[in-house]
Amino acid sequence: FPSHDKHAYKGIDDWIKSPPYFVGCNHSWSKSFLNKFPPLNEKLLAEDHIMVFRAIISDGAYTISTPLVKHRRGGVTAKKVLSLEEKISKLRRNFPDKKIFIQEIIKDASFANHQNKMEKYYEKSLAECEYAEKMLKTGGIFSKLHTTITSKNISTSFKIRLVAYGCFPFILIPFFSLKRAFSTSNKKLTSSS
């Protein structure tokens, strides 16, 4: 959480004003709380933010400021310089995951009579996810360009990025090569000092 304190969030308006970015890897919930909502979508990649959102629109959540889990190195959060193919593969996974997350948040918001508010808040993000899914699927360039022209509520910069990844990935090869070379030279400098 930006404030590192979950009880600073009093309701859905606080979430909209400053959505939490870092939630942490350790939480616990009461059985009555878990029974208050339907089961999570089984395709949901991670439940952290959903569970905190559910707490905020219910009785609240609290931060225990004592470290309960030691920080780990590695795992899925480790930074890695991706190749172009790996980046495209990651985007193909991430946008559907983000779409499921948004749909879960909107569904949960309906339990607190805030579905319309969250639909409006996530409207642009949901449109981007749906656009990205279409652009990153295998298919013809002309149909993807048609999708780009006809898609609404998507920023020009986001469209340019997805046209590059979805239609003309070869133009990104030099950028990814430079990034990898720069990362390799930085690692060599760091290890020698």
N, C-alpha and C. Protein backbone atom coordinates (compact mmCIF):
# COMPACT_ATOMS: atom_id res chain seq x y z
N PHE A 1 0.84 -1.18 0.00
CA PHE A 1 0.00 0.00 0.00
C PHE A 1 0.88 1.24 0.00
N PRO A 2 0.44 2.30 -0.67
CA PRO A 2 1.25 3.52 -0.65
C PRO A 2 1.53 3.97 0.77
N SER A 3 0.54 3.82 1.64
CA SER A 3 0.72 4.26 3.02
C SER A 3 1.30 3.13 3.88
N HIS A 4 1.46 1.95 3.30
CA HIS A 4 1.89 0.74 4.02
C HIS A 4 0.94 0.41 5.16
N ASP A 5 -0.29 0.85 5.05
CA ASP A 5 -1.23 0.63 6.13
C ASP A 5 -2.62 0.41 5.55
N LYS A 6 -3.07 -0.83 5.61
CA LYS A 6 -4.34 -1.17 4.99
C LYS A 6 -5.52 -0.47 5.64
N HIS A 7 -5.45 -0.18 6.95
CA HIS A 7 -6.61 0.45 7.57
C HIS A 7 -6.73 1.93 7.22
N ALA A 8 -5.77 2.46 6.44
CA ALA A 8 -5.90 3.83 5.92
C ALA A 8 -6.96 3.87 4.81
N TYR A 9 -7.30 2.71 4.27
CA TYR A 9 -8.32 2.62 3.23
C TYR A 9 -9.68 2.41 3.90
N LYS A 10 -10.53 3.43 3.80
CA LYS A 10 -11.84 3.37 4.48
C LYS A 10 -12.94 2.85 3.57
N GLY A 11 -12.68 2.77 2.29
CA GLY A 11 -13.71 2.29 1.37
C GLY A 11 -13.26 2.37 -0.07
N ILE A 12 -14.20 2.19 -0.95
CA ILE A 12 -13.92 2.09 -2.38
C ILE A 12 -13.34 3.38 -2.96
N ASP A 13 -13.72 4.54 -2.41
CA ASP A 13 -13.19 5.81 -2.91
C ASP A 13 -11.69 5.93 -2.64
N ASP A 14 -11.24 5.40 -1.50
CA ASP A 14 -9.81 5.41 -1.20
C ASP A 14 -9.05 4.52 -2.18
N TRP A 15 -9.66 3.39 -2.53
CA TRP A 15 -9.06 2.48 -3.52
C TRP A 15 -8.91 3.20 -4.86
N ILE A 16 -9.96 3.88 -5.29
CA ILE A 16 -9.93 4.58 -6.57
C ILE A 16 -8.91 5.72 -6.56
N LYS A 17 -8.84 6.44 -5.45
CA LYS A 17 -7.91 7.56 -5.33
C LYS A 17 -6.45 7.08 -5.38
N SER A 18 -6.17 5.96 -4.74
CA SER A 18 -4.80 5.47 -4.67
C SER A 18 -4.79 3.95 -4.55
N PRO A 19 -4.98 3.24 -5.67
CA PRO A 19 -5.02 1.78 -5.60
C PRO A 19 -3.71 1.23 -5.03
N PRO A 20 -3.79 0.24 -4.17
CA PRO A 20 -2.56 -0.32 -3.60
C PRO A 20 -1.74 -1.02 -4.68
N TYR A 21 -0.45 -0.83 -4.61
CA TYR A 21 0.43 -1.50 -5.57
C TYR A 21 1.06 -2.72 -4.91
N PHE A 22 1.66 -2.51 -3.76
CA PHE A 22 2.32 -3.60 -3.07
C PHE A 22 1.48 -4.03 -1.88
N VAL A 23 1.06 -5.27 -1.90
CA VAL A 23 0.21 -5.78 -0.83
C VAL A 23 1.01 -6.69 0.10
N GLY A 24 1.88 -7.48 -0.42
CA GLY A 24 2.65 -8.39 0.41
C GLY A 24 2.26 -9.83 0.13
N CYS A 25 3.01 -10.72 0.73
CA CYS A 25 2.81 -12.13 0.41
C CYS A 25 2.23 -12.91 1.59
N ASN A 26 1.77 -12.23 2.59
CA ASN A 26 1.29 -12.95 3.77
C ASN A 26 0.02 -12.28 4.29
N HIS A 27 -1.07 -13.02 4.30
CA HIS A 27 -2.31 -12.48 4.85
C HIS A 27 -3.15 -13.63 5.39
N SER A 28 -4.07 -13.29 6.24
CA SER A 28 -5.00 -14.30 6.76
C SER A 28 -6.38 -13.68 6.85
N TRP A 29 -7.40 -14.54 6.75
CA TRP A 29 -8.78 -14.08 6.70
C TRP A 29 -9.64 -14.98 7.57
N SER A 30 -10.72 -14.41 8.07
CA SER A 30 -11.65 -15.20 8.88
C SER A 30 -12.58 -16.00 7.95
N LYS A 31 -13.13 -17.08 8.45
CA LYS A 31 -14.04 -17.91 7.67
C LYS A 31 -15.29 -17.12 7.27
N SER A 32 -15.80 -16.30 8.19
CA SER A 32 -17.00 -15.51 7.87
C SER A 32 -16.72 -14.54 6.72
N PHE A 33 -15.50 -13.98 6.69
CA PHE A 33 -15.11 -13.09 5.59
C PHE A 33 -15.07 -13.86 4.28
N LEU A 34 -14.45 -15.03 4.28
CA LEU A 34 -14.34 -15.83 3.06
C LEU A 34 -15.70 -16.25 2.53
N ASN A 35 -16.63 -16.53 3.44
CA ASN A 35 -17.97 -16.96 3.04
C ASN A 35 -18.84 -15.81 2.54
N LYS A 36 -18.38 -14.60 2.72
CA LYS A 36 -19.15 -13.41 2.33
C LYS A 36 -19.18 -13.22 0.81
N PHE A 37 -18.18 -13.76 0.13
CA PHE A 37 -18.03 -13.58 -1.31
C PHE A 37 -18.02 -14.94 -2.02
N PRO A 38 -18.34 -14.94 -3.31
CA PRO A 38 -18.27 -16.20 -4.06
C PRO A 38 -16.81 -16.63 -4.25
N PRO A 39 -16.59 -17.88 -4.62
CA PRO A 39 -15.21 -18.33 -4.86
C PRO A 39 -14.54 -17.48 -5.94
N LEU A 40 -13.22 -17.36 -5.83
CA LEU A 40 -12.45 -16.62 -6.83
C LEU A 40 -12.44 -17.37 -8.15
N ASN A 41 -12.32 -16.63 -9.22
CA ASN A 41 -12.17 -17.22 -10.54
C ASN A 41 -10.92 -18.11 -10.52
N GLU A 42 -11.06 -19.37 -10.91
CA GLU A 42 -9.93 -20.30 -10.84
C GLU A 42 -8.80 -19.93 -11.79
N LYS A 43 -9.07 -19.07 -12.76
CA LYS A 43 -8.02 -18.62 -13.69
C LYS A 43 -7.26 -17.41 -13.17
N LEU A 44 -7.69 -16.86 -12.04
CA LEU A 44 -7.03 -15.69 -11.45
C LEU A 44 -5.61 -16.05 -11.06
N LEU A 45 -4.65 -15.24 -11.50
CA LEU A 45 -3.24 -15.55 -11.26
C LEU A 45 -2.85 -15.38 -9.79
N ALA A 46 -3.28 -14.29 -9.17
CA ALA A 46 -2.94 -14.03 -7.77
C ALA A 46 -4.13 -13.39 -7.07
N GLU A 47 -4.32 -13.77 -5.84
CA GLU A 47 -5.51 -13.32 -5.10
C GLU A 47 -5.24 -12.12 -4.19
N ASP A 48 -3.99 -11.73 -4.00
CA ASP A 48 -3.63 -10.71 -3.01
C ASP A 48 -4.51 -9.46 -3.08
N HIS A 49 -4.51 -8.81 -4.25
CA HIS A 49 -5.23 -7.55 -4.38
C HIS A 49 -6.75 -7.74 -4.28
N ILE A 50 -7.24 -8.85 -4.81
CA ILE A 50 -8.68 -9.11 -4.73
C ILE A 50 -9.10 -9.24 -3.28
N MET A 51 -8.34 -10.00 -2.50
CA MET A 51 -8.71 -10.21 -1.10
C MET A 51 -8.64 -8.90 -0.31
N VAL A 52 -7.66 -8.08 -0.60
CA VAL A 52 -7.56 -6.78 0.09
C VAL A 52 -8.73 -5.89 -0.34
N PHE A 53 -9.07 -5.91 -1.63
CA PHE A 53 -10.22 -5.14 -2.10
C PHE A 53 -11.49 -5.59 -1.38
N ARG A 54 -11.66 -6.90 -1.25
CA ARG A 54 -12.83 -7.43 -0.55
C ARG A 54 -12.86 -6.95 0.90
N ALA A 55 -11.69 -6.91 1.52
CA ALA A 55 -11.63 -6.45 2.91
C ALA A 55 -11.99 -4.97 3.00
N ILE A 56 -11.49 -4.18 2.07
CA ILE A 56 -11.75 -2.73 2.09
C ILE A 56 -13.23 -2.42 1.91
N ILE A 57 -13.92 -3.18 1.06
CA ILE A 57 -15.35 -2.91 0.86
C ILE A 57 -16.21 -3.61 1.91
N SER A 58 -15.55 -4.33 2.81
CA SER A 58 -16.28 -5.00 3.91
C SER A 58 -15.97 -4.30 5.22
N ASP A 59 -15.27 -5.00 6.09
CA ASP A 59 -15.00 -4.48 7.43
C ASP A 59 -13.61 -3.88 7.57
N GLY A 60 -12.84 -3.88 6.51
CA GLY A 60 -11.51 -3.29 6.57
C GLY A 60 -10.41 -4.33 6.69
N ALA A 61 -9.19 -3.85 6.53
CA ALA A 61 -8.00 -4.69 6.63
C ALA A 61 -6.97 -3.95 7.47
N TYR A 62 -6.10 -4.69 8.10
CA TYR A 62 -5.10 -4.08 8.96
C TYR A 62 -3.72 -4.61 8.62
N THR A 63 -2.74 -3.77 8.80
CA THR A 63 -1.35 -4.14 8.57
C THR A 63 -0.71 -4.48 9.90
N ILE A 64 -0.02 -5.60 9.93
CA ILE A 64 0.81 -5.94 11.09
C ILE A 64 2.21 -5.48 10.73
N SER A 65 2.73 -4.51 11.45
CA SER A 65 4.00 -3.92 11.05
C SER A 65 5.22 -4.77 11.41
N THR A 66 5.02 -5.87 12.06
CA THR A 66 6.13 -6.79 12.37
C THR A 66 6.37 -7.70 11.17
N PRO A 67 7.61 -7.78 10.67
CA PRO A 67 7.87 -8.67 9.53
C PRO A 67 7.56 -10.13 9.91
N LEU A 68 6.74 -10.77 9.12
CA LEU A 68 6.38 -12.16 9.37
C LEU A 68 7.03 -13.11 8.37
N VAL A 69 7.45 -12.57 7.23
CA VAL A 69 8.09 -13.37 6.19
C VAL A 69 9.35 -12.65 5.77
N LYS A 70 10.46 -13.37 5.69
CA LYS A 70 11.70 -12.76 5.23
C LYS A 70 11.66 -12.59 3.72
N HIS A 71 12.28 -11.51 3.25
CA HIS A 71 12.34 -11.25 1.82
C HIS A 71 13.14 -12.37 1.15
N ARG A 72 12.67 -12.80 0.00
CA ARG A 72 13.38 -13.85 -0.72
C ARG A 72 13.93 -13.29 -2.02
N ARG A 73 14.99 -13.88 -2.48
CA ARG A 73 15.55 -13.51 -3.78
C ARG A 73 15.15 -14.57 -4.79
N GLY A 74 14.89 -14.12 -6.00
CA GLY A 74 14.49 -15.08 -7.03
C GLY A 74 12.99 -15.22 -7.09
N GLY A 75 12.54 -16.36 -7.52
CA GLY A 75 11.10 -16.59 -7.65
C GLY A 75 10.54 -15.85 -8.84
N VAL A 76 9.22 -15.73 -8.88
CA VAL A 76 8.58 -15.09 -10.04
C VAL A 76 8.77 -13.59 -10.07
N THR A 77 9.21 -13.00 -8.97
CA THR A 77 9.38 -11.55 -8.94
C THR A 77 10.78 -11.10 -9.33
N ALA A 78 11.67 -12.05 -9.61
CA ALA A 78 13.04 -11.70 -9.98
C ALA A 78 13.05 -10.99 -11.33
N LYS A 79 13.89 -9.96 -11.46
CA LYS A 79 14.01 -9.21 -12.71
C LYS A 79 14.84 -10.02 -13.70
N LYS A 80 14.42 -10.00 -14.93
CA LYS A 80 15.11 -10.73 -15.98
C LYS A 80 14.97 -9.93 -17.26
N VAL A 81 16.04 -9.84 -18.02
CA VAL A 81 15.96 -9.18 -19.32
C VAL A 81 15.38 -10.19 -20.29
N LEU A 82 14.22 -9.87 -20.83
CA LEU A 82 13.51 -10.79 -21.70
C LEU A 82 13.90 -10.61 -23.15
N SER A 83 13.86 -11.70 -23.89
CA SER A 83 14.00 -11.61 -25.34
C SER A 83 12.67 -11.10 -25.90
N LEU A 84 12.65 -10.73 -27.16
CA LEU A 84 11.42 -10.26 -27.79
C LEU A 84 10.34 -11.33 -27.72
N GLU A 85 10.70 -12.57 -28.01
CA GLU A 85 9.72 -13.67 -27.98
C GLU A 85 9.17 -13.86 -26.57
N GLU A 86 10.05 -13.78 -25.57
CA GLU A 86 9.61 -13.93 -24.18
C GLU A 86 8.68 -12.79 -23.77
N LYS A 87 9.00 -11.58 -24.22
CA LYS A 87 8.17 -10.41 -23.91
C LYS A 87 6.78 -10.55 -24.51
N ILE A 88 6.70 -10.98 -25.76
CA ILE A 88 5.40 -11.16 -26.41
C ILE A 88 4.61 -12.26 -25.71
N SER A 89 5.28 -13.32 -25.35
CA SER A 89 4.63 -14.42 -24.61
C SER A 89 4.10 -13.93 -23.26
N LYS A 90 4.89 -13.10 -22.59
CA LYS A 90 4.47 -12.54 -21.30
C LYS A 90 3.26 -11.63 -21.46
N LEU A 91 3.27 -10.80 -22.49
CA LEU A 91 2.12 -9.92 -22.76
C LEU A 91 0.87 -10.74 -23.05
N ARG A 92 1.03 -11.84 -23.79
CA ARG A 92 -0.11 -12.71 -24.10
C ARG A 92 -0.72 -13.32 -22.83
N ARG A 93 0.10 -13.52 -21.81
CA ARG A 93 -0.41 -14.03 -20.52
C ARG A 93 -0.94 -12.91 -19.64
N ASN A 94 -0.22 -11.79 -19.60
CA ASN A 94 -0.54 -10.72 -18.65
C ASN A 94 -1.87 -10.02 -18.91
N PHE A 95 -2.18 -9.74 -20.17
CA PHE A 95 -3.42 -9.01 -20.43
C PHE A 95 -4.67 -9.82 -20.09
N PRO A 96 -4.73 -11.12 -20.45
CA PRO A 96 -5.89 -11.90 -19.99
C PRO A 96 -5.95 -11.99 -18.46
N ASP A 97 -4.79 -12.11 -17.80
CA ASP A 97 -4.76 -12.14 -16.33
C ASP A 97 -5.30 -10.84 -15.75
N LYS A 98 -4.88 -9.71 -16.33
CA LYS A 98 -5.35 -8.41 -15.86
C LYS A 98 -6.85 -8.26 -16.08
N LYS A 99 -7.33 -8.77 -17.21
CA LYS A 99 -8.76 -8.70 -17.52
C LYS A 99 -9.57 -9.50 -16.49
N ILE A 100 -9.09 -10.68 -16.13
CA ILE A 100 -9.76 -11.50 -15.11
C ILE A 100 -9.77 -10.77 -13.77
N PHE A 101 -8.64 -10.14 -13.43
CA PHE A 101 -8.54 -9.37 -12.18
C PHE A 101 -9.58 -8.26 -12.15
N ILE A 102 -9.67 -7.49 -13.23
CA ILE A 102 -10.63 -6.37 -13.30
C ILE A 102 -12.06 -6.88 -13.21
N GLN A 103 -12.36 -7.94 -13.92
CA GLN A 103 -13.72 -8.50 -13.88
C GLN A 103 -14.06 -8.97 -12.46
N GLU A 104 -13.08 -9.54 -11.77
CA GLU A 104 -13.29 -10.01 -10.39
C GLU A 104 -13.56 -8.82 -9.46
N ILE A 105 -12.80 -7.75 -9.62
CA ILE A 105 -12.98 -6.54 -8.80
C ILE A 105 -14.38 -5.96 -9.03
N ILE A 106 -14.79 -5.86 -10.30
CA ILE A 106 -16.11 -5.30 -10.63
C ILE A 106 -17.22 -6.17 -10.04
N LYS A 107 -17.06 -7.48 -10.17
CA LYS A 107 -18.06 -8.41 -9.61
C LYS A 107 -18.14 -8.24 -8.10
N ASP A 108 -16.99 -8.15 -7.43
CA ASP A 108 -16.99 -7.99 -5.98
C ASP A 108 -17.57 -6.65 -5.55
N ALA A 109 -17.34 -5.61 -6.37
CA ALA A 109 -17.86 -4.28 -6.04
C ALA A 109 -19.38 -4.28 -6.00
N SER A 110 -20.00 -5.18 -6.74
CA SER A 110 -21.47 -5.25 -6.74
C SER A 110 -22.01 -5.65 -5.37
N PHE A 111 -21.21 -6.34 -4.55
CA PHE A 111 -21.65 -6.72 -3.20
C PHE A 111 -21.74 -5.52 -2.28
N ALA A 112 -21.06 -4.44 -2.64
CA ALA A 112 -21.12 -3.21 -1.85
C ALA A 112 -21.86 -2.11 -2.62
N ASN A 113 -22.62 -2.52 -3.63
CA ASN A 113 -23.38 -1.58 -4.46
C ASN A 113 -22.51 -0.52 -5.13
N HIS A 114 -21.33 -0.92 -5.56
CA HIS A 114 -20.41 0.01 -6.23
C HIS A 114 -19.98 -0.51 -7.60
N GLN A 115 -20.75 -1.39 -8.20
CA GLN A 115 -20.37 -1.97 -9.47
C GLN A 115 -20.21 -0.90 -10.55
N ASN A 116 -21.16 0.04 -10.65
CA ASN A 116 -21.09 1.08 -11.68
C ASN A 116 -19.85 1.95 -11.52
N LYS A 117 -19.52 2.26 -10.27
CA LYS A 117 -18.35 3.10 -10.00
C LYS A 117 -17.06 2.40 -10.45
N MET A 118 -16.96 1.10 -10.16
CA MET A 118 -15.76 0.36 -10.55
C MET A 118 -15.72 0.08 -12.05
N GLU A 119 -16.89 -0.12 -12.66
CA GLU A 119 -16.93 -0.29 -14.12
C GLU A 119 -16.40 0.96 -14.80
N LYS A 120 -16.80 2.12 -14.29
CA LYS A 120 -16.34 3.39 -14.85
C LYS A 120 -14.83 3.56 -14.62
N TYR A 121 -14.38 3.23 -13.40
CA TYR A 121 -12.96 3.38 -13.07
C TYR A 121 -12.08 2.49 -13.95
N TYR A 122 -12.51 1.26 -14.19
CA TYR A 122 -11.70 0.29 -14.94
C TYR A 122 -12.05 0.22 -16.42
N GLU A 123 -12.92 1.10 -16.90
CA GLU A 123 -13.38 1.06 -18.29
C GLU A 123 -12.22 1.09 -19.28
N LYS A 124 -11.30 2.03 -19.09
CA LYS A 124 -10.17 2.16 -20.01
C LYS A 124 -9.25 0.95 -19.92
N SER A 125 -8.95 0.50 -18.71
CA SER A 125 -8.05 -0.66 -18.53
C SER A 125 -8.64 -1.91 -19.15
N LEU A 126 -9.94 -2.10 -18.98
CA LEU A 126 -10.60 -3.27 -19.56
C LEU A 126 -10.58 -3.21 -21.08
N ALA A 127 -10.80 -2.01 -21.64
CA ALA A 127 -10.74 -1.84 -23.09
C ALA A 127 -9.34 -2.15 -23.61
N GLU A 128 -8.32 -1.71 -22.88
CA GLU A 128 -6.93 -2.00 -23.27
C GLU A 128 -6.65 -3.49 -23.25
N CYS A 129 -7.13 -4.19 -22.23
CA CYS A 129 -6.93 -5.64 -22.14
C CYS A 129 -7.56 -6.35 -23.32
N GLU A 130 -8.79 -5.97 -23.64
CA GLU A 130 -9.50 -6.62 -24.74
C GLU A 130 -8.82 -6.32 -26.08
N TYR A 131 -8.37 -5.08 -26.24
CA TYR A 131 -7.65 -4.69 -27.46
C TYR A 131 -6.33 -5.48 -27.57
N ALA A 132 -5.59 -5.54 -26.47
CA ALA A 132 -4.29 -6.24 -26.47
C ALA A 132 -4.47 -7.73 -26.78
N GLU A 133 -5.49 -8.34 -26.22
CA GLU A 133 -5.74 -9.76 -26.50
C GLU A 133 -5.94 -9.99 -28.00
N LYS A 134 -6.71 -9.12 -28.64
CA LYS A 134 -6.95 -9.24 -30.08
C LYS A 134 -5.66 -9.03 -30.88
N MET A 135 -4.87 -8.06 -30.44
CA MET A 135 -3.65 -7.72 -31.18
C MET A 135 -2.56 -8.77 -31.03
N LEU A 136 -2.54 -9.48 -29.92
CA LEU A 136 -1.46 -10.44 -29.67
C LEU A 136 -1.82 -11.87 -30.10
N LYS A 137 -3.05 -12.06 -30.56
CA LYS A 137 -3.42 -13.38 -31.09
C LYS A 137 -2.80 -13.54 -32.47
N THR A 138 -2.64 -14.79 -32.86
CA THR A 138 -2.17 -15.01 -34.22
C THR A 138 -3.30 -14.61 -35.16
N GLY A 139 -2.94 -14.06 -36.26
CA GLY A 139 -3.94 -13.58 -37.22
C GLY A 139 -3.32 -12.62 -38.20
N GLY A 140 -4.12 -12.18 -39.13
CA GLY A 140 -3.62 -11.31 -40.18
C GLY A 140 -3.38 -9.88 -39.74
N ILE A 141 -2.42 -9.25 -40.38
CA ILE A 141 -2.06 -7.87 -40.07
C ILE A 141 -3.23 -6.93 -40.37
N PHE A 142 -3.95 -7.17 -41.47
CA PHE A 142 -5.03 -6.26 -41.85
C PHE A 142 -6.17 -6.27 -40.85
N SER A 143 -6.50 -7.46 -40.33
CA SER A 143 -7.57 -7.51 -39.31
C SER A 143 -7.12 -6.83 -38.02
N LYS A 144 -5.82 -6.94 -37.69
CA LYS A 144 -5.30 -6.27 -36.49
C LYS A 144 -5.29 -4.75 -36.68
N LEU A 145 -4.93 -4.31 -37.87
CA LEU A 145 -4.95 -2.87 -38.14
C LEU A 145 -6.38 -2.34 -38.12
N HIS A 146 -7.32 -3.12 -38.62
CA HIS A 146 -8.73 -2.74 -38.56
C HIS A 146 -9.18 -2.63 -37.10
N THR A 147 -8.75 -3.58 -36.27
CA THR A 147 -9.06 -3.54 -34.83
C THR A 147 -8.50 -2.26 -34.21
N THR A 148 -7.30 -1.89 -34.62
CA THR A 148 -6.65 -0.68 -34.09
C THR A 148 -7.45 0.57 -34.46
N ILE A 149 -7.88 0.64 -35.70
CA ILE A 149 -8.62 1.81 -36.17
C ILE A 149 -9.98 1.92 -35.49
N THR A 150 -10.64 0.80 -35.30
CA THR A 150 -12.02 0.82 -34.77
C THR A 150 -12.11 0.78 -33.25
N SER A 151 -11.00 0.49 -32.57
CA SER A 151 -11.04 0.41 -31.10
C SER A 151 -11.14 1.80 -30.48
N LYS A 152 -12.05 1.94 -29.54
CA LYS A 152 -12.28 3.21 -28.85
C LYS A 152 -11.72 3.14 -27.44
N ASN A 153 -11.50 4.30 -26.85
CA ASN A 153 -11.06 4.41 -25.46
C ASN A 153 -9.67 3.84 -25.22
N ILE A 154 -8.83 3.85 -26.27
CA ILE A 154 -7.46 3.35 -26.18
C ILE A 154 -6.53 4.49 -26.58
N SER A 155 -5.51 4.75 -25.78
CA SER A 155 -4.60 5.84 -26.10
C SER A 155 -3.78 5.50 -27.35
N THR A 156 -3.36 6.53 -28.05
CA THR A 156 -2.56 6.34 -29.26
C THR A 156 -1.25 5.65 -28.94
N SER A 157 -0.61 6.02 -27.83
CA SER A 157 0.67 5.40 -27.47
C SER A 157 0.51 3.91 -27.20
N PHE A 158 -0.60 3.52 -26.56
CA PHE A 158 -0.85 2.10 -26.29
C PHE A 158 -1.09 1.36 -27.61
N LYS A 159 -1.83 1.97 -28.52
CA LYS A 159 -2.08 1.36 -29.82
C LYS A 159 -0.77 1.16 -30.59
N ILE A 160 0.09 2.17 -30.59
CA ILE A 160 1.37 2.07 -31.30
C ILE A 160 2.19 0.92 -30.74
N ARG A 161 2.24 0.83 -29.42
CA ARG A 161 3.00 -0.24 -28.76
C ARG A 161 2.47 -1.62 -29.17
N LEU A 162 1.16 -1.78 -29.16
CA LEU A 162 0.57 -3.08 -29.48
C LEU A 162 0.63 -3.40 -30.97
N VAL A 163 0.56 -2.37 -31.83
CA VAL A 163 0.75 -2.60 -33.27
C VAL A 163 2.16 -3.12 -33.51
N ALA A 164 3.13 -2.55 -32.81
CA ALA A 164 4.51 -3.01 -32.95
C ALA A 164 4.65 -4.48 -32.52
N TYR A 165 4.15 -4.80 -31.34
CA TYR A 165 4.25 -6.18 -30.85
C TYR A 165 3.39 -7.15 -31.65
N GLY A 166 2.20 -6.73 -32.04
CA GLY A 166 1.26 -7.64 -32.68
C GLY A 166 1.40 -7.78 -34.18
N CYS A 167 1.87 -6.71 -34.85
CA CYS A 167 1.93 -6.72 -36.32
C CYS A 167 3.36 -6.71 -36.86
N PHE A 168 4.21 -5.92 -36.24
CA PHE A 168 5.56 -5.71 -36.78
C PHE A 168 6.63 -5.93 -35.70
N PRO A 169 6.67 -7.10 -35.07
CA PRO A 169 7.62 -7.30 -33.98
C PRO A 169 9.09 -7.17 -34.41
N PHE A 170 9.36 -7.41 -35.69
CA PHE A 170 10.74 -7.33 -36.17
C PHE A 170 11.35 -5.95 -35.97
N ILE A 171 10.52 -4.89 -35.94
CA ILE A 171 11.08 -3.54 -35.73
C ILE A 171 11.58 -3.35 -34.30
N LEU A 172 11.18 -4.24 -33.39
CA LEU A 172 11.60 -4.15 -31.99
C LEU A 172 12.90 -4.90 -31.71
N ILE A 173 13.34 -5.73 -32.65
CA ILE A 173 14.54 -6.55 -32.43
C ILE A 173 15.75 -5.71 -32.03
N PRO A 174 16.06 -4.59 -32.71
CA PRO A 174 17.24 -3.79 -32.30
C PRO A 174 17.13 -3.28 -30.85
N PHE A 175 15.94 -2.88 -30.42
CA PHE A 175 15.76 -2.37 -29.06
C PHE A 175 16.01 -3.46 -28.02
N PHE A 176 15.51 -4.65 -28.30
CA PHE A 176 15.71 -5.76 -27.37
C PHE A 176 17.17 -6.21 -27.35
N SER A 177 17.83 -6.16 -28.50
CA SER A 177 19.26 -6.50 -28.56
C SER A 177 20.08 -5.51 -27.76
N LEU A 178 19.77 -4.22 -27.90
CA LEU A 178 20.48 -3.19 -27.13
C LEU A 178 20.24 -3.35 -25.63
N LYS A 179 19.02 -3.62 -25.26
CA LYS A 179 18.67 -3.79 -23.85
C LYS A 179 19.45 -4.96 -23.25
N ARG A 180 19.51 -6.07 -23.99
CA ARG A 180 20.24 -7.25 -23.50
C ARG A 180 21.73 -6.96 -23.40
N ALA A 181 22.28 -6.28 -24.41
CA ALA A 181 23.71 -5.95 -24.40
C ALA A 181 24.03 -5.01 -23.23
N PHE A 182 23.17 -4.01 -23.01
CA PHE A 182 23.36 -3.07 -21.92
C PHE A 182 23.29 -3.79 -20.57
N SER A 183 22.34 -4.70 -20.42
CA SER A 183 22.18 -5.45 -19.17
C SER A 183 23.39 -6.33 -18.91
N THR A 184 23.90 -6.98 -19.97
CA THR A 184 25.08 -7.85 -19.84
C THR A 184 26.30 -7.03 -19.44
N SER A 185 26.50 -5.86 -20.05
CA SER A 185 27.67 -5.03 -19.71
C SER A 185 27.54 -4.48 -18.29
N ASN A 186 26.32 -4.16 -17.85
CA ASN A 186 26.12 -3.70 -16.46
C ASN A 186 26.44 -4.80 -15.45
N LYS A 187 26.05 -6.03 -15.77
CA LYS A 187 26.35 -7.16 -14.87
C LYS A 187 27.84 -7.38 -14.75
N LYS A 188 28.55 -7.25 -15.88
CA LYS A 188 30.01 -7.42 -15.87
C LYS A 188 30.68 -6.33 -15.04
N LEU A 189 30.19 -5.07 -15.19
CA LEU A 189 30.74 -3.97 -14.40
C LEU A 189 30.47 -4.16 -12.91
N THR A 190 29.27 -4.60 -12.58
CA THR A 190 28.89 -4.81 -11.18
C THR A 190 29.69 -5.92 -10.54
N SER A 191 29.89 -7.02 -11.28
CA SER A 191 30.62 -8.16 -10.72
C SER A 191 32.11 -7.87 -10.60
N SER A 192 32.66 -6.99 -11.42
CA SER A 192 34.09 -6.68 -11.35
C SER A 192 34.43 -5.65 -10.28
N SER A 193 33.41 -4.90 -9.79
CA SER A 193 33.70 -3.86 -8.79
C SER A 193 33.54 -4.35 -7.38
